[in-house]
Amino acid sequence: MRWLIGYEAQRKRMLARAPKGPLHDFLSVPFPLLYTPVDQIPILAVDFETTGLDAIQDKLLSVGCVELIQRQIKIGTSYHQIIQTQGSLKADNVTIHQITDDQKDQGKPLAEVVAALLKMLAGKVMLVHFARIERQFLQQACIELYGMAPVFPIIDTLVIAKKKLDKRDVAYDPSELRLSALRAKYQLPNHYAHNALNDAIATAELLLAQTSKKNEDLTLQQLIL
């Protein structure tokens, strides 16, 4: 319970210091309560494509997200946007995310994309697969744009899977925690990976599969990082 209070306390402290604008508006909305049942948690599944894994040295290339409300993926809420960044992309990086220099040069400014994402995130929990990327890159973007890194309530499908594997007390291959491997485990169809929106939808589908059986009493407290 102490760390729950910490989340809300951090939000309120940051709200008092946040500059007027998108970050202030995001922090103005309370986070969902930890005892919220899983099927009532307002969720935004989010995925980023980036130029690398270092949030300080590398850049956001694209953002994809979709709402998950009452255990339904709201495809009509889908958002996908390539971000305008400086410099040329490395060939091996382009091979992965399929975003070309021409496409990113025609993308929208970081400030506009982050503002749109924060608006969609207000009052919701962010759902990701491997939280370090989304959390660090979004916090770094907020530092660059607003001078501060906000706290984000996060559910991580990788962490949910890892906890289940750890309970078996049997060695396992870390590759079992990849999004594609976990989807296959739950007999979910293959998806076109390394597209931010596709991966966000794929993560939302995985969460539904992970929480589908005998979880009538499952709450946000049992899922949140």
Protein backbone atom coordinates (compact mmCIF):
# COMPACT_ATOMS: atom_id res chain seq x y z
CA MET A 1 0.00 0.00 0.00
CA ARG A 2 2.92 2.31 0.72
CA TRP A 3 4.10 2.27 -2.90
CA LEU A 4 0.52 3.00 -4.07
CA ILE A 5 0.50 6.14 -1.95
CA GLY A 6 3.87 6.93 -3.47
CA TYR A 7 2.45 6.87 -7.00
CA GLU A 8 -0.31 9.34 -6.16
CA ALA A 9 1.99 11.47 -4.02
CA GLN A 10 4.47 11.73 -6.88
CA ARG A 11 1.69 12.67 -9.30
CA LYS A 12 0.47 15.45 -7.02
CA ARG A 13 3.96 16.79 -6.34
CA MET A 14 4.76 16.84 -10.04
CA LEU A 15 1.43 18.47 -10.85
CA ALA A 16 2.33 21.37 -8.59
CA ARG A 17 5.58 21.92 -10.53
CA ALA A 18 4.53 20.99 -14.06
CA PRO A 19 4.36 23.77 -16.67
CA LYS A 20 0.94 24.48 -18.10
CA GLY A 21 0.30 22.31 -21.11
CA PRO A 22 0.14 18.60 -22.02
CA LEU A 23 2.14 17.28 -19.05
CA HIS A 24 0.15 19.37 -16.56
CA ASP A 25 -3.09 18.12 -18.11
CA PHE A 26 -1.89 14.50 -17.88
CA LEU A 27 -0.92 14.88 -14.22
CA SER A 28 -4.23 16.58 -13.41
CA VAL A 29 -6.09 13.26 -13.80
CA PRO A 30 -5.78 10.77 -10.89
CA PHE A 31 -4.38 7.33 -11.62
CA PRO A 32 -6.76 4.36 -11.43
CA LEU A 33 -7.20 2.87 -7.96
CA LEU A 34 -5.18 -0.26 -7.26
CA TYR A 35 -8.21 -2.28 -6.23
CA THR A 36 -9.81 -1.73 -9.66
CA PRO A 37 -10.84 -5.14 -11.09
CA VAL A 38 -8.88 -6.19 -14.17
CA ASP A 39 -11.90 -5.90 -16.45
CA GLN A 40 -12.49 -2.31 -15.35
CA ILE A 41 -8.93 -0.98 -15.65
CA PRO A 42 -8.70 1.78 -18.28
CA ILE A 43 -5.65 0.76 -20.30
CA LEU A 44 -3.67 2.22 -23.18
CA ALA A 45 -1.43 -0.34 -24.90
CA VAL A 46 1.68 1.48 -26.12
CA ASP A 47 4.69 0.58 -28.23
CA PHE A 48 7.65 2.60 -29.51
CA GLU A 49 10.07 2.10 -32.35
CA THR A 50 13.41 3.77 -31.62
CA THR A 51 16.82 4.31 -33.20
CA GLY A 52 18.42 2.23 -30.42
CA LEU A 53 18.09 1.15 -26.79
CA ASP A 54 19.64 4.18 -25.03
CA ALA A 55 16.91 6.70 -24.18
CA ILE A 56 19.46 9.52 -23.85
CA GLN A 57 21.55 8.88 -26.95
CA ASP A 58 18.86 7.41 -29.21
CA LYS A 59 15.55 8.83 -30.45
CA LEU A 60 11.91 7.91 -30.69
CA LEU A 61 10.97 6.99 -34.26
CA SER A 62 7.30 6.08 -33.97
CA VAL A 63 4.49 5.62 -31.48
CA GLY A 64 1.58 3.21 -31.68
CA CYS A 65 -1.21 2.79 -29.14
CA VAL A 66 -4.75 1.51 -28.71
CA GLU A 67 -7.26 1.56 -25.84
CA LEU A 68 -8.24 -1.56 -23.95
CA ILE A 69 -11.51 -0.95 -22.11
CA GLN A 70 -13.57 -3.59 -20.27
CA ARG A 71 -11.46 -6.34 -21.85
CA GLN A 72 -12.17 -5.06 -25.34
CA ILE A 73 -9.55 -3.69 -27.72
CA LYS A 74 -11.02 -0.51 -29.20
CA ILE A 75 -9.51 -0.55 -32.69
CA GLY A 76 -11.24 2.75 -33.45
CA THR A 77 -8.93 4.42 -30.91
CA SER A 78 -5.77 3.27 -32.72
CA TYR A 79 -3.02 5.86 -33.09
CA HIS A 80 0.19 5.47 -35.09
CA GLN A 81 2.61 8.25 -35.85
CA ILE A 82 6.16 8.48 -37.18
CA ILE A 83 8.26 11.15 -35.47
CA GLN A 84 10.51 13.64 -37.20
CA THR A 85 14.11 13.18 -36.03
CA GLN A 86 17.46 14.63 -37.02
CA GLY A 87 20.21 12.69 -38.79
CA SER A 88 20.21 9.61 -40.97
CA LEU A 89 19.04 6.18 -39.86
CA LYS A 90 21.39 3.20 -39.77
CA ALA A 91 20.71 0.51 -42.35
CA ASP A 92 20.51 -2.31 -39.79
CA ASN A 93 17.99 -0.29 -37.79
CA VAL A 94 15.82 0.36 -40.85
CA THR A 95 15.81 -3.38 -41.56
CA ILE A 96 14.07 -3.94 -38.21
CA HIS A 97 11.46 -1.18 -38.09
CA GLN A 98 11.08 -0.50 -41.84
CA ILE A 99 10.97 3.28 -41.29
CA THR A 100 12.99 5.12 -43.93
CA ASP A 101 14.73 8.49 -43.74
CA ASP A 102 12.09 9.97 -46.08
CA GLN A 103 9.28 8.76 -43.82
CA LYS A 104 10.80 10.09 -40.61
CA ASP A 105 11.66 13.40 -42.29
CA GLN A 106 7.93 13.78 -43.05
CA GLY A 107 6.90 12.73 -39.54
CA LYS A 108 5.37 14.98 -36.92
CA PRO A 109 7.45 16.88 -34.32
CA LEU A 110 8.20 15.08 -31.05
CA ALA A 111 6.28 17.70 -29.05
CA GLU A 112 3.09 17.11 -31.03
CA VAL A 113 3.29 13.31 -30.76
CA VAL A 114 4.10 13.26 -27.04
CA ALA A 115 1.28 15.73 -26.36
CA ALA A 116 -1.17 13.44 -28.18
CA LEU A 117 0.11 10.39 -26.28
CA LEU A 118 -0.15 12.08 -22.87
CA LYS A 119 -3.71 13.13 -23.65
CA MET A 120 -4.63 9.52 -24.45
CA LEU A 121 -2.79 8.25 -21.35
CA ALA A 122 -4.54 10.56 -18.88
CA GLY A 123 -6.38 8.51 -16.27
CA LYS A 124 -5.20 5.21 -17.76
CA VAL A 125 -2.58 2.57 -17.07
CA MET A 126 0.08 2.13 -19.75
CA LEU A 127 0.37 -1.45 -21.05
CA VAL A 128 3.67 -2.49 -22.64
CA HIS A 129 5.87 -5.49 -23.33
CA PHE A 130 9.29 -4.84 -21.71
CA ALA A 131 8.64 -1.64 -19.81
CA ARG A 132 12.18 -0.29 -19.78
CA ILE A 133 11.98 0.97 -23.36
CA GLU A 134 8.62 2.75 -23.20
CA ARG A 135 9.12 4.15 -19.71
CA GLN A 136 12.64 5.47 -20.25
CA PHE A 137 12.05 6.91 -23.73
CA LEU A 138 8.79 8.61 -22.73
CA GLN A 139 10.33 10.03 -19.56
CA GLN A 140 13.34 11.29 -21.51
CA ALA A 141 11.05 12.93 -24.07
CA CYS A 142 9.17 14.65 -21.23
CA ILE A 143 12.45 15.88 -19.76
CA GLU A 144 13.41 17.38 -23.12
CA LEU A 145 9.97 18.95 -23.66
CA TYR A 146 8.82 19.88 -20.15
CA GLY A 147 11.88 19.69 -17.93
CA MET A 148 10.65 16.78 -15.80
CA ALA A 149 10.05 13.03 -15.99
CA PRO A 150 6.57 12.00 -14.79
CA VAL A 151 5.62 8.73 -13.16
CA PHE A 152 3.57 6.29 -15.23
CA PRO A 153 1.53 3.39 -13.84
CA ILE A 154 2.52 0.44 -16.05
CA ILE A 155 1.44 -3.15 -16.69
CA ASP A 156 4.14 -5.21 -18.41
CA THR A 157 3.10 -8.45 -20.14
CA LEU A 158 6.72 -9.61 -20.03
CA VAL A 159 6.79 -9.27 -16.22
CA ILE A 160 3.46 -11.14 -15.90
CA ALA A 161 4.92 -14.00 -17.93
CA LYS A 162 8.23 -13.97 -16.04
CA LYS A 163 6.48 -14.25 -12.68
CA LYS A 164 4.60 -17.32 -13.88
CA LEU A 165 7.80 -18.93 -15.19
CA ASP A 166 9.71 -18.11 -11.99
CA LYS A 167 7.06 -19.84 -9.89
CA ARG A 168 7.89 -23.12 -11.66
CA ASP A 169 11.44 -22.89 -10.22
CA VAL A 170 12.74 -24.46 -13.42
CA ALA A 171 15.35 -22.94 -15.73
CA TYR A 172 13.97 -21.42 -18.92
CA ASP A 173 15.29 -19.73 -22.04
CA PRO A 174 14.86 -15.92 -21.89
CA SER A 175 13.63 -16.11 -25.50
CA GLU A 176 10.42 -17.56 -24.05
CA LEU A 177 9.62 -14.04 -22.85
CA ARG A 178 9.60 -12.49 -26.30
CA LEU A 179 6.26 -11.12 -27.44
CA SER A 180 6.02 -13.52 -30.39
CA ALA A 181 6.92 -16.55 -28.24
CA LEU A 182 4.35 -15.70 -25.59
CA ARG A 183 1.66 -15.13 -28.20
CA ALA A 184 2.43 -18.55 -29.67
CA LYS A 185 2.17 -20.09 -26.20
CA TYR A 186 -1.38 -18.73 -25.92
CA GLN A 187 -2.16 -19.81 -29.50
CA LEU A 188 -2.50 -16.24 -30.71
CA PRO A 189 -1.83 -15.67 -34.44
CA ASN A 190 1.43 -14.36 -35.82
CA HIS A 191 1.55 -10.58 -36.17
CA TYR A 192 3.68 -8.21 -38.22
CA ALA A 193 6.25 -7.24 -35.58
CA HIS A 194 8.31 -4.06 -35.21
CA ASN A 195 5.46 -1.81 -36.27
CA ALA A 196 4.50 0.25 -33.22
CA LEU A 197 0.73 -0.04 -33.65
CA ASN A 198 0.83 -3.74 -34.54
CA ASP A 199 2.96 -4.46 -31.47
CA ALA A 200 0.66 -2.40 -29.23
CA ILE A 201 -2.37 -4.39 -30.42
CA ALA A 202 -0.41 -7.64 -30.09
CA THR A 203 0.47 -6.74 -26.49
CA ALA A 204 -3.17 -5.95 -25.68
CA GLU A 205 -4.21 -9.33 -27.08
CA LEU A 206 -1.53 -11.04 -25.00
CA LEU A 207 -2.75 -9.39 -21.79
CA LEU A 208 -6.30 -10.59 -22.49
CA ALA A 209 -4.97 -14.12 -22.92
CA GLN A 210 -2.82 -13.92 -19.79
CA THR A 211 -5.76 -12.79 -17.64
CA SER A 212 -8.53 -14.84 -19.22
CA LYS A 213 -8.79 -17.83 -16.85
CA LYS A 214 -9.90 -17.85 -13.21
CA ASN A 215 -9.07 -14.19 -12.70
CA GLU A 216 -12.43 -12.88 -11.53
CA ASP A 217 -10.75 -11.33 -8.48
CA LEU A 218 -7.62 -10.08 -10.25
CA THR A 219 -6.99 -6.38 -9.62
CA LEU A 220 -4.63 -3.69 -10.85
CA GLN A 221 -2.52 -4.13 -7.71
CA GLN A 222 -1.60 -7.66 -8.84
CA LEU A 223 -0.57 -6.52 -12.31
CA ILE A 224 1.04 -3.11 -11.94
CA LEU A 225 4.83 -2.72 -11.83
